[in-house]
Each structure stands twice: as structure tokens, then as C-alpha cells.
Amino acid sequence: MKNEGPEIQISGRVSGTGPWYARPESTPNQLKASKIKIAQSASLLLTKQLSIVANKVMRSKAHSEANPQISMTCEACDLKCQRFGTHRNGLRRFRCLSCKKTYTEPHQTLGEMYVSEEKVLLAMQVLIEGNSIRSTMRITGLDQNTIIKALILAGERCEKVMGRLIVNVPAKDVECDEIWGYVQKKEAHKFPFEADDKNIGDAYCFVAIERHSKLVLNFALGRRDTATTQIFIEGLRHATSGKQPF
């Protein structure tokens, strides 16, 4: 019986152990579509590789800008030092090959602290919002002693700014009051051997406020005695203008 179907050409054998099979030859349109698909895949792969390379270059550039190449010279030997790891706070260290002295790259510190300024500002913001020192430790990851040092440093600098800017303020009505508190324990709970210790017990904050603008003119923190009162009055006299008595 004569087969009247389309002619089929043997084009090869598929890899494996299967039998020979027959498939029709690809048409020109199919070949063109296949070439376009291969070109698109190659273009996509090349784009991804270029993107990866560009990201690596950008990261390397950002790292080099954040950590520029620094060379240290030994002060004793006047020789160029070699890189010697990093400090516990992340700063790069250098060591002289001759005398074996180590140096740390130049850096700025906040008092005695080596933490970043961003962390210190975050700790101050959290404390201002009313959080305790322990909750601030959990939020910022800073040590308790570091937070206390930062708080003392911020208070001292704020007091200096206040003493420099609030000078000769024309005030007509000034309201003075005291805020009671205590350090470690109340005055009535002190032991007999702690009676003369002025670092613990009751503490008073004298504060002077301008009645109309609510501006804090001066404050003084200490015991409720003559010495603290004299310091408070002298600071208030320095903050207000003597031309307009109140």
C-alpha cells in the first residue's frame, strides 16, 4: 500500500539509547525565531553580569570613600607603618616594623567615648522621651556606663550653651520654684554613718522661669542649703537684665 503522507527526512539520533526517530526539518521562520530567542537570552545574561559588576564597583567605591587609604608614620623611627588589623571599635591599626609600636588611625571622640555620634544622638533622643537607662541600653545596644557618660557630657555642654546665650534677658516677671528628688535613697532612709554624705539623699533643683515666654532663665541642682541658693541667685542675675528689675 502506498503511503501518501508528507515526506519525512531522517535528521539524526537523539543522545541516549533510544531508537532512531524521524522529525521534520526546521523552517526558516523557526530558525529565525530560535536565533532571536538565543540572542535575547544572551543579552539578558550580559545585562545581569554588567549589573553585578557595576554593583561591586559602587560598593568598592563607597568603601574606599568611607575608608580612604591612610598611611601612618612611626613617631620614634620615622618609618612607614604597616597595617595591623583593627581596633575593637572598628578603627584601623598600624604597627612599626622596627620598634613594634602600634598606632590607631586619626579619629574624633566624644569625650572619652569612641562610639559614633549617631548612636549617642539616638540615646539622647530616647532618654528625652522618658525611657530609662536600661531600656535605652536595649534599644541602642550601648553600655550603661557609656550612656551615663554621654548624658553627663550632653548636660555639661547644654549648660555651657545656656550660660552663653541666655544673658541680659529683659524679664519683668520671674517665677522661681524647686523640684524635689533624691539620689539613691531618701534623706529619712539614710543610715547614721551616711548622715554627712551629701552625695546621696534629697536633691533639689531650683528653677527660674520667665512668666510670659516660659523661658527657663536658670537652674541649680544640689542640696537645699545656702550654697546652692547663692549659686542659683547669681546665675539668675547673670541671665536677666539689670535695667528692668523684677
C-alpha atoms as a PDB file:
ATOM      1  CA  MET A   1       0.000   0.000   0.000  1.00  0.00           C
ATOM      2  CA  LYS A   2       1.480   3.361  -0.988  1.00  0.00           C
ATOM      3  CA  ASN A   3       1.985   5.944   1.790  1.00  0.00           C
ATOM      4  CA  GLU A   4       0.623   9.292   0.610  1.00  0.00           C
ATOM      5  CA  GLY A   5       1.589  11.312   3.709  1.00  0.00           C
ATOM      6  CA  PRO A   6       4.240  14.071   3.777  1.00  0.00           C
ATOM      7  CA  GLU A   7       7.820  13.145   3.217  1.00  0.00           C
ATOM      8  CA  ILE A   8       9.862  12.807   6.413  1.00  0.00           C
ATOM      9  CA  GLN A   9      13.647  13.005   6.442  1.00  0.00           C
ATOM     10  CA  ILE A  10      15.886  11.333   8.966  1.00  0.00           C
ATOM     11  CA  SER A  11      17.808  14.140  10.655  1.00  0.00           C
ATOM     12  CA  GLY A  12      19.854  12.256  13.236  1.00  0.00           C
ATOM     13  CA  ARG A  13      19.716  10.458  16.531  1.00  0.00           C
ATOM     14  CA  VAL A  14      18.928  11.889  19.939  1.00  0.00           C
ATOM     15  CA  SER A  15      21.556  11.348  22.638  1.00  0.00           C
ATOM     16  CA  GLY A  16      20.721   8.293  24.682  1.00  0.00           C
ATOM     17  CA  THR A  17      19.887   4.733  23.959  1.00  0.00           C
ATOM     18  CA  GLY A  18      16.529   5.319  22.284  1.00  0.00           C
ATOM     19  CA  PRO A  19      15.768   4.230  18.759  1.00  0.00           C
ATOM     20  CA  TRP A  20      16.117   6.305  15.648  1.00  0.00           C
ATOM     21  CA  TYR A  21      13.287   8.660  15.071  1.00  0.00           C
ATOM     22  CA  ALA A  22      12.207  10.981  12.333  1.00  0.00           C
ATOM     23  CA  ARG A  23      11.454  14.740  12.622  1.00  0.00           C
ATOM     24  CA  PRO A  24      10.662  17.346  10.028  1.00  0.00           C
ATOM     25  CA  GLU A  25      13.325  19.929   9.168  1.00  0.00           C
ATOM     26  CA  SER A  26      13.030  23.408  10.787  1.00  0.00           C
ATOM     27  CA  THR A  27      11.586  26.082   8.610  1.00  0.00           C
ATOM     28  CA  PRO A  28      13.449  29.409   8.102  1.00  0.00           C
ATOM     29  CA  ASN A  29      10.950  31.220  10.341  1.00  0.00           C
ATOM     30  CA  GLN A  30      11.571  28.755  13.152  1.00  0.00           C
ATOM     31  CA  LEU A  31      15.346  29.149  12.806  1.00  0.00           C
ATOM     32  CA  LYS A  32      15.000  32.920  12.879  1.00  0.00           C
ATOM     33  CA  ALA A  33      12.805  32.797  15.993  1.00  0.00           C
ATOM     34  CA  SER A  34      15.280  30.450  17.674  1.00  0.00           C
ATOM     35  CA  LYS A  35      18.197  32.775  16.901  1.00  0.00           C
ATOM     36  CA  ILE A  36      16.248  35.767  18.263  1.00  0.00           C
ATOM     37  CA  LYS A  37      15.477  33.852  21.450  1.00  0.00           C
ATOM     38  CA  ILE A  38      19.128  32.884  21.907  1.00  0.00           C
ATOM     39  CA  ALA A  39      20.209  36.488  21.329  1.00  0.00           C
ATOM     40  CA  GLN A  40      17.674  37.749  23.882  1.00  0.00           C
ATOM     41  CA  SER A  41      18.879  35.233  26.464  1.00  0.00           C
ATOM     42  CA  ALA A  42      22.497  36.195  25.856  1.00  0.00           C
ATOM     43  CA  SER A  43      21.625  39.890  26.115  1.00  0.00           C
ATOM     44  CA  LEU A  44      19.763  39.324  29.408  1.00  0.00           C
ATOM     45  CA  LEU A  45      22.669  37.330  30.835  1.00  0.00           C
ATOM     46  CA  LEU A  46      25.127  40.029  29.795  1.00  0.00           C
ATOM     47  CA  THR A  47      22.947  42.707  31.378  1.00  0.00           C
ATOM     48  CA  LYS A  48      22.849  40.789  34.663  1.00  0.00           C
ATOM     49  CA  GLN A  49      26.622  40.340  34.648  1.00  0.00           C
ATOM     50  CA  LEU A  50      27.174  44.029  33.938  1.00  0.00           C
ATOM     51  CA  SER A  51      24.777  44.930  36.759  1.00  0.00           C
ATOM     52  CA  ILE A  52      26.683  42.676  39.168  1.00  0.00           C
ATOM     53  CA  VAL A  53      29.999  44.228  38.138  1.00  0.00           C
ATOM     54  CA  ALA A  54      28.562  47.758  38.481  1.00  0.00           C
ATOM     55  CA  ASN A  55      27.269  46.978  41.986  1.00  0.00           C
ATOM     56  CA  LYS A  56      30.668  45.626  43.009  1.00  0.00           C
ATOM     57  CA  VAL A  57      32.372  48.735  41.664  1.00  0.00           C
ATOM     58  CA  MET A  58      29.915  51.011  43.501  1.00  0.00           C
ATOM     59  CA  ARG A  59      30.383  49.112  46.767  1.00  0.00           C
ATOM     60  CA  SER A  60      34.135  49.239  46.373  1.00  0.00           C
ATOM     61  CA  LYS A  61      33.989  52.980  45.647  1.00  0.00           C
ATOM     62  CA  ALA A  62      31.737  53.630  48.646  1.00  0.00           C
ATOM     63  CA  HIS A  63      34.032  51.577  50.884  1.00  0.00           C
ATOM     64  CA  SER A  64      37.088  53.441  49.630  1.00  0.00           C
ATOM     65  CA  GLU A  65      35.366  56.797  50.216  1.00  0.00           C
ATOM     66  CA  ALA A  66      34.266  55.782  53.686  1.00  0.00           C
ATOM     67  CA  ASN A  67      37.684  54.278  54.463  1.00  0.00           C
ATOM     68  CA  PRO A  68      40.266  56.229  52.490  1.00  0.00           C
ATOM     69  CA  GLN A  69      43.800  54.963  52.251  1.00  0.00           C
ATOM     70  CA  ILE A  70      45.670  56.197  55.314  1.00  0.00           C
ATOM     71  CA  SER A  71      49.360  55.759  55.955  1.00  0.00           C
ATOM     72  CA  MET A  72      50.883  56.185  59.388  1.00  0.00           C
ATOM     73  CA  THR A  73      54.482  57.123  60.154  1.00  0.00           C
ATOM     74  CA  CYS A  74      56.160  55.982  63.334  1.00  0.00           C
ATOM     75  CA  GLU A  75      56.966  58.968  65.554  1.00  0.00           C
ATOM     76  CA  ALA A  76      60.026  57.275  67.033  1.00  0.00           C
ATOM     77  CA  CYS A  77      61.596  55.691  63.937  1.00  0.00           C
ATOM     78  CA  ASP A  78      60.196  57.980  61.215  1.00  0.00           C
ATOM     79  CA  LEU A  79      59.309  54.888  59.166  1.00  0.00           C
ATOM     80  CA  LYS A  80      56.098  53.993  57.393  1.00  0.00           C
ATOM     81  CA  CYS A  81      53.940  51.659  59.452  1.00  0.00           C
ATOM     82  CA  GLN A  82      52.201  48.532  58.209  1.00  0.00           C
ATOM     83  CA  ARG A  83      48.542  47.652  58.597  1.00  0.00           C
ATOM     84  CA  PHE A  84      47.965  45.710  61.832  1.00  0.00           C
ATOM     85  CA  GLY A  85      44.294  44.755  61.986  1.00  0.00           C
ATOM     86  CA  THR A  86      41.533  46.836  63.505  1.00  0.00           C
ATOM     87  CA  HIS A  87      40.713  48.213  66.919  1.00  0.00           C
ATOM     88  CA  ARG A  88      37.763  46.881  68.918  1.00  0.00           C
ATOM     89  CA  ASN A  89      35.781  49.966  67.867  1.00  0.00           C
ATOM     90  CA  GLY A  90      36.466  49.324  64.147  1.00  0.00           C
ATOM     91  CA  LEU A  91      39.336  51.787  63.636  1.00  0.00           C
ATOM     92  CA  ARG A  92      42.325  50.629  61.628  1.00  0.00           C
ATOM     93  CA  ARG A  93      45.585  49.965  63.429  1.00  0.00           C
ATOM     94  CA  PHE A  94      49.170  50.245  62.219  1.00  0.00           C
ATOM     95  CA  ARG A  95      52.438  48.827  63.539  1.00  0.00           C
ATOM     96  CA  CYS A  96      56.019  49.943  63.049  1.00  0.00           C
ATOM     97  CA  LEU A  97      58.160  47.137  61.675  1.00  0.00           C
ATOM     98  CA  SER A  98      61.203  48.423  63.525  1.00  0.00           C
ATOM     99  CA  CYS A  99      60.146  49.273  67.080  1.00  0.00           C
ATOM    100  CA  LYS A 100      56.833  47.324  67.020  1.00  0.00           C
ATOM    101  CA  LYS A 101      54.820  50.302  68.299  1.00  0.00           C
ATOM    102  CA  THR A 102      51.149  50.339  67.308  1.00  0.00           C
ATOM    103  CA  TYR A 103      49.066  53.328  66.259  1.00  0.00           C
ATOM    104  CA  THR A 104      45.385  53.942  65.539  1.00  0.00           C
ATOM    105  CA  GLU A 105      44.137  55.974  62.595  1.00  0.00           C
ATOM    106  CA  PRO A 106      43.128  59.593  63.323  1.00  0.00           C
ATOM    107  CA  HIS A 107      39.617  59.872  64.679  1.00  0.00           C
ATOM    108  CA  GLN A 108      37.321  62.153  66.637  1.00  0.00           C
ATOM    109  CA  THR A 109      35.951  61.211  70.039  1.00  0.00           C
ATOM    110  CA  LEU A 110      33.061  62.424  72.181  1.00  0.00           C
ATOM    111  CA  GLY A 111      34.848  62.989  75.447  1.00  0.00           C
ATOM    112  CA  GLU A 112      36.219  59.590  76.433  1.00  0.00           C
ATOM    113  CA  MET A 113      33.809  57.663  74.190  1.00  0.00           C
ATOM    114  CA  TYR A 114      34.655  56.082  70.851  1.00  0.00           C
ATOM    115  CA  VAL A 115      31.055  55.396  69.791  1.00  0.00           C
ATOM    116  CA  SER A 116      29.570  57.052  66.746  1.00  0.00           C
ATOM    117  CA  GLU A 117      27.754  60.348  67.018  1.00  0.00           C
ATOM    118  CA  GLU A 118      24.584  58.825  65.525  1.00  0.00           C
ATOM    119  CA  LYS A 119      24.303  56.298  68.371  1.00  0.00           C
ATOM    120  CA  VAL A 120      24.857  58.957  71.004  1.00  0.00           C
ATOM    121  CA  LEU A 121      22.164  61.174  69.452  1.00  0.00           C
ATOM    122  CA  LEU A 122      19.760  58.222  69.354  1.00  0.00           C
ATOM    123  CA  ALA A 123      20.441  57.515  73.031  1.00  0.00           C
ATOM    124  CA  MET A 124      19.789  61.162  73.939  1.00  0.00           C
ATOM    125  CA  GLN A 125      16.528  61.198  71.977  1.00  0.00           C
ATOM    126  CA  VAL A 126      15.353  58.026  73.696  1.00  0.00           C
ATOM    127  CA  LEU A 127      16.228  59.434  77.136  1.00  0.00           C
ATOM    128  CA  ILE A 128      14.445  62.716  76.400  1.00  0.00           C
ATOM    129  CA  GLU A 129      11.296  60.762  75.514  1.00  0.00           C
ATOM    130  CA  GLY A 130      11.242  59.394  79.068  1.00  0.00           C
ATOM    131  CA  ASN A 131      12.895  55.994  78.669  1.00  0.00           C
ATOM    132  CA  SER A 132      15.077  54.584  81.404  1.00  0.00           C
ATOM    133  CA  ILE A 133      18.781  53.892  81.033  1.00  0.00           C
ATOM    134  CA  ARG A 134      18.222  50.129  80.829  1.00  0.00           C
ATOM    135  CA  SER A 135      15.603  50.456  78.098  1.00  0.00           C
ATOM    136  CA  THR A 136      17.982  52.804  76.265  1.00  0.00           C
ATOM    137  CA  MET A 137      20.631  50.085  76.533  1.00  0.00           C
ATOM    138  CA  ARG A 138      18.298  47.577  74.893  1.00  0.00           C
ATOM    139  CA  ILE A 139      17.307  49.972  72.093  1.00  0.00           C
ATOM    140  CA  THR A 140      20.733  51.373  71.197  1.00  0.00           C
ATOM    141  CA  GLY A 141      22.972  48.474  72.178  1.00  0.00           C
ATOM    142  CA  LEU A 142      25.234  50.806  74.171  1.00  0.00           C
ATOM    143  CA  ASP A 143      26.674  50.030  77.582  1.00  0.00           C
ATOM    144  CA  GLN A 144      25.196  51.572  80.723  1.00  0.00           C
ATOM    145  CA  ASN A 145      28.399  53.450  81.573  1.00  0.00           C
ATOM    146  CA  THR A 146      28.587  54.833  78.027  1.00  0.00           C
ATOM    147  CA  ILE A 147      25.020  56.147  78.230  1.00  0.00           C
ATOM    148  CA  ILE A 148      25.692  57.797  81.598  1.00  0.00           C
ATOM    149  CA  LYS A 149      28.889  59.416  80.270  1.00  0.00           C
ATOM    150  CA  ALA A 150      27.015  60.669  77.207  1.00  0.00           C
ATOM    151  CA  LEU A 151      24.238  62.045  79.410  1.00  0.00           C
ATOM    152  CA  ILE A 152      26.715  63.895  81.629  1.00  0.00           C
ATOM    153  CA  LEU A 153      28.578  65.252  78.599  1.00  0.00           C
ATOM    154  CA  ALA A 154      25.340  66.447  76.984  1.00  0.00           C
ATOM    155  CA  GLY A 155      24.242  68.126  80.214  1.00  0.00           C
ATOM    156  CA  GLU A 156      27.564  69.943  80.639  1.00  0.00           C
ATOM    157  CA  ARG A 157      27.521  71.201  77.053  1.00  0.00           C
ATOM    158  CA  CYS A 158      23.879  72.293  77.299  1.00  0.00           C
ATOM    159  CA  GLU A 159      24.703  74.203  80.474  1.00  0.00           C
ATOM    160  CA  LYS A 160      27.565  75.974  78.681  1.00  0.00           C
ATOM    161  CA  VAL A 161      25.316  76.876  75.748  1.00  0.00           C
ATOM    162  CA  MET A 162      22.644  78.121  78.128  1.00  0.00           C
ATOM    163  CA  GLY A 163      25.145  80.269  80.031  1.00  0.00           C
ATOM    164  CA  ARG A 164      26.476  81.752  76.797  1.00  0.00           C
ATOM    165  CA  LEU A 165      23.164  82.515  75.073  1.00  0.00           C
ATOM    166  CA  ILE A 166      20.787  83.409  77.902  1.00  0.00           C
ATOM    167  CA  VAL A 167      22.376  86.649  79.035  1.00  0.00           C
ATOM    168  CA  ASN A 168      20.764  90.017  79.863  1.00  0.00           C
ATOM    169  CA  VAL A 169      17.248  88.826  79.070  1.00  0.00           C
ATOM    170  CA  PRO A 170      14.689  91.586  79.758  1.00  0.00           C
ATOM    171  CA  ALA A 171      12.360  89.900  82.222  1.00  0.00           C
ATOM    172  CA  LYS A 172       9.623  91.569  84.240  1.00  0.00           C
ATOM    173  CA  ASP A 173       8.029  88.604  85.984  1.00  0.00           C
ATOM    174  CA  VAL A 174      10.112  85.614  87.040  1.00  0.00           C
ATOM    175  CA  GLU A 175       8.655  82.514  88.682  1.00  0.00           C
ATOM    176  CA  CYS A 176      11.009  80.514  90.906  1.00  0.00           C
ATOM    177  CA  ASP A 177      10.276  77.079  92.225  1.00  0.00           C
ATOM    178  CA  GLU A 178      12.034  73.950  93.430  1.00  0.00           C
ATOM    179  CA  ILE A 179      11.732  70.347  92.250  1.00  0.00           C
ATOM    180  CA  TRP A 180      12.344  67.685  94.860  1.00  0.00           C
ATOM    181  CA  GLY A 181      14.101  64.437  94.146  1.00  0.00           C
ATOM    182  CA  TYR A 182      16.600  62.083  95.713  1.00  0.00           C
ATOM    183  CA  VAL A 183      19.777  60.237  94.842  1.00  0.00           C
ATOM    184  CA  GLN A 184      19.978  56.550  95.748  1.00  0.00           C
ATOM    185  CA  LYS A 185      17.653  56.929  98.766  1.00  0.00           C
ATOM    186  CA  LYS A 186      15.518  59.461 100.568  1.00  0.00           C
ATOM    187  CA  GLU A 187      17.001  61.594 103.331  1.00  0.00           C
ATOM    188  CA  ALA A 188      14.924  59.900 106.030  1.00  0.00           C
ATOM    189  CA  HIS A 189      16.154  56.455 104.963  1.00  0.00           C
ATOM    190  CA  LYS A 190      19.864  57.201 105.323  1.00  0.00           C
ATOM    191  CA  PHE A 191      21.885  55.244 107.863  1.00  0.00           C
ATOM    192  CA  PRO A 192      23.629  57.079 110.691  1.00  0.00           C
ATOM    193  CA  PHE A 193      27.024  56.685 109.030  1.00  0.00           C
ATOM    194  CA  GLU A 194      25.571  58.246 105.843  1.00  0.00           C
ATOM    195  CA  ALA A 195      24.213  61.358 107.558  1.00  0.00           C
ATOM    196  CA  ASP A 196      27.133  63.564 106.453  1.00  0.00           C
ATOM    197  CA  ASP A 197      27.332  62.143 102.922  1.00  0.00           C
ATOM    198  CA  LYS A 198      25.934  64.858 100.630  1.00  0.00           C
ATOM    199  CA  ASN A 199      26.183  62.676  97.503  1.00  0.00           C
ATOM    200  CA  ILE A 200      23.119  60.646  98.489  1.00  0.00           C
ATOM    201  CA  GLY A 201      19.746  61.667  99.882  1.00  0.00           C
ATOM    202  CA  ASP A 202      17.427  64.515  98.988  1.00  0.00           C
ATOM    203  CA  ALA A 203      18.281  66.695  95.980  1.00  0.00           C
ATOM    204  CA  TYR A 204      16.556  69.875  94.891  1.00  0.00           C
ATOM    205  CA  CYS A 205      16.503  71.569  91.502  1.00  0.00           C
ATOM    206  CA  PHE A 206      15.901  75.321  91.777  1.00  0.00           C
ATOM    207  CA  VAL A 207      14.473  76.689  88.534  1.00  0.00           C
ATOM    208  CA  ALA A 208      13.582  80.208  87.373  1.00  0.00           C
ATOM    209  CA  ILE A 209      11.075  80.683  84.513  1.00  0.00           C
ATOM    210  CA  GLU A 210      10.038  83.878  82.750  1.00  0.00           C
ATOM    211  CA  ARG A 211       6.266  84.029  83.262  1.00  0.00           C
ATOM    212  CA  HIS A 212       5.190  85.253  79.813  1.00  0.00           C
ATOM    213  CA  SER A 213       7.529  83.389  77.445  1.00  0.00           C
ATOM    214  CA  LYS A 214       8.080  80.312  79.687  1.00  0.00           C
ATOM    215  CA  LEU A 215      11.821  80.627  79.082  1.00  0.00           C
ATOM    216  CA  VAL A 216      13.985  78.826  81.644  1.00  0.00           C
ATOM    217  CA  LEU A 217      16.397  81.517  82.781  1.00  0.00           C
ATOM    218  CA  ASN A 218      18.466  79.485  85.203  1.00  0.00           C
ATOM    219  CA  PHE A 219      18.516  76.333  87.286  1.00  0.00           C
ATOM    220  CA  ALA A 220      20.682  74.891  90.030  1.00  0.00           C
ATOM    221  CA  LEU A 221      20.830  71.311  91.270  1.00  0.00           C
ATOM    222  CA  GLY A 222      22.071  70.493  94.751  1.00  0.00           C
ATOM    223  CA  ARG A 223      21.156  70.397  98.392  1.00  0.00           C
ATOM    224  CA  ARG A 224      18.576  72.669  99.956  1.00  0.00           C
ATOM    225  CA  ASP A 225      21.142  74.910 101.588  1.00  0.00           C
ATOM    226  CA  THR A 226      22.635  78.367 101.371  1.00  0.00           C
ATOM    227  CA  ALA A 227      25.410  77.421  98.936  1.00  0.00           C
ATOM    228  CA  THR A 228      23.022  76.092  96.277  1.00  0.00           C
ATOM    229  CA  THR A 229      20.726  79.099  96.749  1.00  0.00           C
ATOM    230  CA  GLN A 230      23.578  81.559  96.261  1.00  0.00           C
ATOM    231  CA  ILE A 231      24.669  79.778  93.058  1.00  0.00           C
ATOM    232  CA  PHE A 232      21.083  79.875  91.779  1.00  0.00           C
ATOM    233  CA  ILE A 233      20.619  83.593  92.504  1.00  0.00           C
ATOM    234  CA  GLU A 234      23.980  84.501  90.942  1.00  0.00           C
ATOM    235  CA  GLY A 235      23.112  82.607  87.766  1.00  0.00           C
ATOM    236  CA  LEU A 236      19.693  84.279  87.610  1.00  0.00           C
ATOM    237  CA  ARG A 237      21.322  87.702  87.985  1.00  0.00           C
ATOM    238  CA  HIS A 238      23.665  86.872  85.094  1.00  0.00           C
ATOM    239  CA  ALA A 239      20.759  85.706  82.887  1.00  0.00           C
ATOM    240  CA  THR A 240      18.491  88.711  83.391  1.00  0.00           C
ATOM    241  CA  SER A 241      18.941  92.357  82.553  1.00  0.00           C
ATOM    242  CA  GLY A 242      19.686  94.678  85.445  1.00  0.00           C
ATOM    243  CA  LYS A 243      17.958  97.622  83.778  1.00  0.00           C
ATOM    244  CA  GLN A 244      14.485  96.176  84.352  1.00  0.00           C
ATOM    245  CA  PRO A 245      14.104  94.960  87.937  1.00  0.00           C
ATOM    246  CA  PHE A 246      11.541  92.341  88.793  1.00  0.00           C
END
